[in-house]
Amino acid sequence: MSPDTFPPDVRINARLSGDDAARFQELLESSGLSASDLLRAALREYHAAHARSTRDPLALLAGFIGSGEGPKDLSARYKDYLSESLEEKIPLSVQEPRGTYR
């Protein structure tokens, strides 16, 4: 957001009671912050934890793309490589010789 598009100041009048009031008072005393500064800090922390990311999904994966190890044609033949790997672990067919039936 550019500075000229910020919303106007918002005034908040909140009533806290019981445990919430005690928590708020405890944080005020232990942090040394003003009530307004404590609410700003809490809002920023809550926003960081709950707001949807606006970052480009490709930018989020940039550190992972191309960082793996493996064959150069892995992206084209991944099914072949997966099948081979699974065949080594879990044979698709029985490898024991057949007995003679009469």
N, C-alpha and C. Protein backbone atom coordinates (compact mmCIF):
# COMPACT_ATOMS: atom_id res chain seq x y z
N MET A 1 0.84 -1.17 0.00
CA MET A 1 0.00 0.00 0.00
C MET A 1 0.88 1.24 0.00
N SER A 2 0.55 2.19 -0.80
CA SER A 2 1.30 3.43 -0.78
C SER A 2 0.77 4.30 0.35
N PRO A 3 1.59 5.25 0.86
CA PRO A 3 1.17 6.06 2.00
C PRO A 3 -0.13 6.82 1.78
N ASP A 4 -0.44 7.21 0.55
CA ASP A 4 -1.67 7.95 0.31
C ASP A 4 -2.91 7.07 0.23
N THR A 5 -2.75 5.74 0.31
CA THR A 5 -3.91 4.85 0.27
C THR A 5 -4.19 4.19 1.61
N PHE A 6 -3.43 4.55 2.66
CA PHE A 6 -3.69 3.99 3.98
C PHE A 6 -5.05 4.44 4.47
N PRO A 7 -5.78 3.55 5.14
CA PRO A 7 -7.07 3.96 5.69
C PRO A 7 -6.85 4.97 6.82
N PRO A 8 -7.86 5.74 7.16
CA PRO A 8 -7.72 6.68 8.27
C PRO A 8 -7.51 5.92 9.57
N ASP A 9 -7.05 6.63 10.59
CA ASP A 9 -6.87 6.00 11.90
C ASP A 9 -8.18 5.38 12.37
N VAL A 10 -8.07 4.27 13.07
CA VAL A 10 -9.24 3.59 13.62
C VAL A 10 -9.16 3.69 15.14
N ARG A 11 -10.20 4.15 15.74
CA ARG A 11 -10.26 4.24 17.19
C ARG A 11 -11.01 3.01 17.69
N ILE A 12 -10.46 2.36 18.72
CA ILE A 12 -11.05 1.14 19.26
C ILE A 12 -11.42 1.37 20.71
N ASN A 13 -12.63 0.99 21.05
CA ASN A 13 -13.10 1.02 22.43
C ASN A 13 -13.51 -0.41 22.75
N ALA A 14 -12.74 -1.08 23.58
CA ALA A 14 -13.01 -2.49 23.87
C ALA A 14 -13.18 -2.71 25.37
N ARG A 15 -14.07 -3.61 25.71
CA ARG A 15 -14.27 -3.95 27.11
C ARG A 15 -13.77 -5.38 27.31
N LEU A 16 -12.86 -5.53 28.24
CA LEU A 16 -12.33 -6.85 28.58
C LEU A 16 -12.75 -7.16 30.01
N SER A 17 -13.09 -8.41 30.26
CA SER A 17 -13.47 -8.80 31.62
C SER A 17 -12.85 -10.15 31.95
N GLY A 18 -12.84 -10.45 33.23
CA GLY A 18 -12.37 -11.75 33.69
C GLY A 18 -10.94 -12.06 33.29
N ASP A 19 -10.76 -13.27 32.75
CA ASP A 19 -9.43 -13.74 32.38
C ASP A 19 -8.78 -12.86 31.31
N ASP A 20 -9.58 -12.38 30.37
CA ASP A 20 -9.02 -11.53 29.31
C ASP A 20 -8.47 -10.23 29.89
N ALA A 21 -9.19 -9.64 30.83
CA ALA A 21 -8.72 -8.41 31.47
C ALA A 21 -7.44 -8.68 32.26
N ALA A 22 -7.40 -9.81 32.95
CA ALA A 22 -6.20 -10.16 33.73
C ALA A 22 -5.00 -10.39 32.80
N ARG A 23 -5.21 -11.09 31.70
CA ARG A 23 -4.12 -11.32 30.74
C ARG A 23 -3.61 -9.99 30.17
N PHE A 24 -4.55 -9.13 29.82
CA PHE A 24 -4.17 -7.84 29.24
C PHE A 24 -3.37 -7.03 30.25
N GLN A 25 -3.81 -6.99 31.49
CA GLN A 25 -3.10 -6.24 32.53
C GLN A 25 -1.72 -6.83 32.78
N GLU A 26 -1.64 -8.15 32.80
CA GLU A 26 -0.35 -8.82 32.99
C GLU A 26 0.63 -8.45 31.86
N LEU A 27 0.14 -8.45 30.63
CA LEU A 27 1.00 -8.10 29.49
C LEU A 27 1.41 -6.63 29.55
N LEU A 28 0.51 -5.77 29.96
CA LEU A 28 0.84 -4.35 30.09
C LEU A 28 1.98 -4.16 31.09
N GLU A 29 1.85 -4.81 32.22
CA GLU A 29 2.86 -4.65 33.28
C GLU A 29 4.19 -5.29 32.90
N SER A 30 4.15 -6.48 32.31
CA SER A 30 5.41 -7.18 32.01
C SER A 30 6.12 -6.60 30.79
N SER A 31 5.38 -6.04 29.85
CA SER A 31 6.01 -5.53 28.63
C SER A 31 6.43 -4.07 28.75
N GLY A 32 5.74 -3.33 29.61
CA GLY A 32 6.03 -1.90 29.72
C GLY A 32 5.45 -1.10 28.57
N LEU A 33 4.64 -1.73 27.73
CA LEU A 33 4.01 -1.05 26.60
C LEU A 33 2.76 -0.32 27.05
N SER A 34 2.36 0.66 26.26
CA SER A 34 1.07 1.29 26.49
C SER A 34 -0.01 0.35 25.97
N ALA A 35 -1.26 0.60 26.35
CA ALA A 35 -2.36 -0.23 25.89
C ALA A 35 -2.43 -0.21 24.36
N SER A 36 -2.27 0.97 23.77
CA SER A 36 -2.32 1.08 22.30
C SER A 36 -1.19 0.30 21.65
N ASP A 37 0.03 0.42 22.19
CA ASP A 37 1.16 -0.30 21.61
C ASP A 37 1.00 -1.81 21.76
N LEU A 38 0.47 -2.25 22.91
CA LEU A 38 0.24 -3.68 23.11
C LEU A 38 -0.80 -4.20 22.12
N LEU A 39 -1.87 -3.46 21.91
CA LEU A 39 -2.88 -3.88 20.94
C LEU A 39 -2.32 -3.89 19.53
N ARG A 40 -1.50 -2.92 19.17
CA ARG A 40 -0.87 -2.90 17.84
C ARG A 40 0.02 -4.14 17.65
N ALA A 41 0.83 -4.43 18.67
CA ALA A 41 1.73 -5.59 18.58
C ALA A 41 0.93 -6.89 18.47
N ALA A 42 -0.15 -7.00 19.26
CA ALA A 42 -0.98 -8.20 19.21
C ALA A 42 -1.66 -8.34 17.85
N LEU A 43 -2.13 -7.22 17.30
CA LEU A 43 -2.77 -7.24 15.99
C LEU A 43 -1.79 -7.67 14.91
N ARG A 44 -0.57 -7.15 14.96
CA ARG A 44 0.45 -7.53 13.96
C ARG A 44 0.78 -9.01 14.05
N GLU A 45 0.92 -9.51 15.28
CA GLU A 45 1.23 -10.93 15.46
C GLU A 45 0.08 -11.81 14.98
N TYR A 46 -1.14 -11.43 15.30
CA TYR A 46 -2.31 -12.19 14.84
C TYR A 46 -2.42 -12.15 13.32
N HIS A 47 -2.18 -11.00 12.75
CA HIS A 47 -2.24 -10.86 11.29
C HIS A 47 -1.19 -11.73 10.61
N ALA A 48 0.01 -11.73 11.15
CA ALA A 48 1.09 -12.55 10.58
C ALA A 48 0.75 -14.04 10.62
N ALA A 49 0.06 -14.45 11.68
CA ALA A 49 -0.27 -15.87 11.83
C ALA A 49 -1.49 -16.31 11.03
N HIS A 50 -2.41 -15.37 10.74
CA HIS A 50 -3.68 -15.77 10.15
C HIS A 50 -3.99 -15.20 8.77
N ALA A 51 -3.30 -14.17 8.37
CA ALA A 51 -3.61 -13.56 7.07
C ALA A 51 -3.10 -14.45 5.95
N ARG A 52 -3.83 -14.45 4.86
CA ARG A 52 -3.40 -15.22 3.69
C ARG A 52 -2.16 -14.57 3.09
N SER A 53 -1.30 -15.40 2.63
CA SER A 53 -0.08 -14.91 2.00
C SER A 53 -0.40 -14.29 0.65
N THR A 54 0.18 -13.14 0.39
CA THR A 54 0.01 -12.50 -0.91
C THR A 54 1.25 -12.69 -1.76
N ARG A 55 2.18 -13.50 -1.26
CA ARG A 55 3.39 -13.75 -2.03
C ARG A 55 3.09 -14.64 -3.22
N ASP A 56 3.88 -14.48 -4.24
CA ASP A 56 3.76 -15.27 -5.45
C ASP A 56 4.11 -16.73 -5.12
N PRO A 57 3.24 -17.69 -5.45
CA PRO A 57 3.52 -19.09 -5.15
C PRO A 57 4.85 -19.57 -5.73
N LEU A 58 5.20 -19.08 -6.90
CA LEU A 58 6.48 -19.46 -7.50
C LEU A 58 7.64 -18.95 -6.64
N ALA A 59 7.49 -17.75 -6.08
CA ALA A 59 8.54 -17.20 -5.23
C ALA A 59 8.71 -18.05 -3.97
N LEU A 60 7.61 -18.61 -3.45
CA LEU A 60 7.68 -19.46 -2.27
C LEU A 60 8.46 -20.74 -2.55
N LEU A 61 8.37 -21.25 -3.78
CA LEU A 61 9.04 -22.50 -4.15
C LEU A 61 10.42 -22.29 -4.76
N ALA A 62 10.81 -21.05 -4.98
CA ALA A 62 12.04 -20.76 -5.71
C ALA A 62 13.26 -21.46 -5.13
N GLY A 63 13.35 -21.58 -3.82
CA GLY A 63 14.50 -22.22 -3.21
C GLY A 63 14.53 -23.72 -3.40
N PHE A 64 13.40 -24.31 -3.75
CA PHE A 64 13.31 -25.76 -3.91
C PHE A 64 13.44 -26.20 -5.37
N ILE A 65 13.03 -25.36 -6.29
CA ILE A 65 13.03 -25.74 -7.70
C ILE A 65 14.47 -25.90 -8.18
N GLY A 66 14.74 -27.06 -8.72
CA GLY A 66 16.07 -27.34 -9.25
C GLY A 66 17.10 -27.65 -8.18
N SER A 67 16.69 -27.78 -6.93
CA SER A 67 17.66 -28.01 -5.87
C SER A 67 17.83 -29.49 -5.54
N GLY A 68 16.99 -30.33 -6.11
CA GLY A 68 17.07 -31.76 -5.83
C GLY A 68 18.17 -32.44 -6.62
N GLU A 69 18.42 -33.68 -6.26
CA GLU A 69 19.42 -34.48 -6.97
C GLU A 69 18.72 -35.65 -7.64
N GLY A 70 19.24 -36.07 -8.75
CA GLY A 70 18.67 -37.20 -9.45
C GLY A 70 19.01 -37.14 -10.92
N PRO A 71 18.46 -38.06 -11.68
CA PRO A 71 18.73 -38.09 -13.12
C PRO A 71 18.23 -36.83 -13.80
N LYS A 72 18.91 -36.43 -14.85
CA LYS A 72 18.52 -35.22 -15.58
C LYS A 72 17.16 -35.33 -16.23
N ASP A 73 16.73 -36.55 -16.56
CA ASP A 73 15.43 -36.74 -17.20
C ASP A 73 14.33 -37.14 -16.21
N LEU A 74 14.53 -36.86 -14.94
CA LEU A 74 13.58 -37.26 -13.90
C LEU A 74 12.19 -36.69 -14.15
N SER A 75 12.10 -35.46 -14.58
CA SER A 75 10.78 -34.87 -14.78
C SER A 75 10.02 -35.54 -15.91
N ALA A 76 10.73 -36.09 -16.88
CA ALA A 76 10.08 -36.73 -18.02
C ALA A 76 9.82 -38.22 -17.75
N ARG A 77 10.69 -38.85 -16.95
CA ARG A 77 10.57 -40.30 -16.75
C ARG A 77 10.29 -40.68 -15.30
N TYR A 78 9.67 -39.78 -14.54
CA TYR A 78 9.48 -40.06 -13.12
C TYR A 78 8.66 -41.33 -12.87
N LYS A 79 7.70 -41.64 -13.75
CA LYS A 79 6.89 -42.85 -13.56
C LYS A 79 7.74 -44.10 -13.72
N ASP A 80 8.67 -44.07 -14.69
CA ASP A 80 9.56 -45.23 -14.88
C ASP A 80 10.43 -45.43 -13.64
N TYR A 81 11.01 -44.31 -13.15
CA TYR A 81 11.87 -44.41 -11.97
C TYR A 81 11.10 -44.87 -10.75
N LEU A 82 9.87 -44.39 -10.59
CA LEU A 82 9.05 -44.80 -9.46
C LEU A 82 8.71 -46.28 -9.56
N SER A 83 8.32 -46.72 -10.75
CA SER A 83 7.99 -48.14 -10.95
C SER A 83 9.19 -49.03 -10.64
N GLU A 84 10.37 -48.64 -11.12
CA GLU A 84 11.58 -49.43 -10.87
C GLU A 84 11.87 -49.49 -9.37
N SER A 85 11.74 -48.37 -8.70
CA SER A 85 12.02 -48.33 -7.27
C SER A 85 11.03 -49.19 -6.49
N LEU A 86 9.76 -49.09 -6.85
CA LEU A 86 8.76 -49.91 -6.17
C LEU A 86 8.94 -51.39 -6.47
N GLU A 87 9.34 -51.71 -7.69
CA GLU A 87 9.55 -53.12 -8.07
C GLU A 87 10.66 -53.73 -7.21
N GLU A 88 11.67 -52.93 -6.87
CA GLU A 88 12.75 -53.43 -6.02
C GLU A 88 12.23 -53.70 -4.60
N LYS A 89 11.31 -52.87 -4.13
CA LYS A 89 10.80 -53.02 -2.77
C LYS A 89 9.65 -54.00 -2.67
N ILE A 90 8.74 -53.92 -3.63
CA ILE A 90 7.53 -54.76 -3.62
C ILE A 90 7.39 -55.37 -5.01
N PRO A 91 7.91 -56.57 -5.21
CA PRO A 91 7.82 -57.17 -6.55
C PRO A 91 6.37 -57.28 -7.02
N LEU A 92 6.16 -56.94 -8.28
CA LEU A 92 4.83 -57.01 -8.85
C LEU A 92 4.45 -58.43 -9.23
N SER A 93 5.44 -59.28 -9.41
CA SER A 93 5.16 -60.68 -9.75
C SER A 93 6.00 -61.58 -8.85
N VAL A 94 5.55 -62.81 -8.68
CA VAL A 94 6.27 -63.76 -7.84
C VAL A 94 7.52 -64.21 -8.58
N GLN A 95 8.65 -64.20 -7.92
CA GLN A 95 9.92 -64.53 -8.54
C GLN A 95 10.34 -65.98 -8.29
N GLU A 96 9.52 -66.75 -7.59
CA GLU A 96 9.87 -68.13 -7.28
C GLU A 96 9.58 -69.03 -8.48
N PRO A 97 10.42 -70.04 -8.69
CA PRO A 97 10.14 -70.96 -9.81
C PRO A 97 8.88 -71.75 -9.53
N ARG A 98 8.16 -72.07 -10.58
CA ARG A 98 6.92 -72.85 -10.44
C ARG A 98 7.24 -74.32 -10.28
N GLY A 99 6.44 -74.95 -9.49
CA GLY A 99 6.58 -76.40 -9.31
C GLY A 99 5.93 -77.14 -10.46
N THR A 100 6.18 -78.44 -10.55
CA THR A 100 5.59 -79.27 -11.60
C THR A 100 4.25 -79.81 -11.10
N TYR A 101 3.23 -79.64 -11.90
CA TYR A 101 1.90 -80.13 -11.51
C TYR A 101 1.58 -81.36 -12.36
N ARG A 102 0.90 -82.30 -11.82
CA ARG A 102 0.52 -83.50 -12.54
C ARG A 102 -0.96 -83.61 -12.64
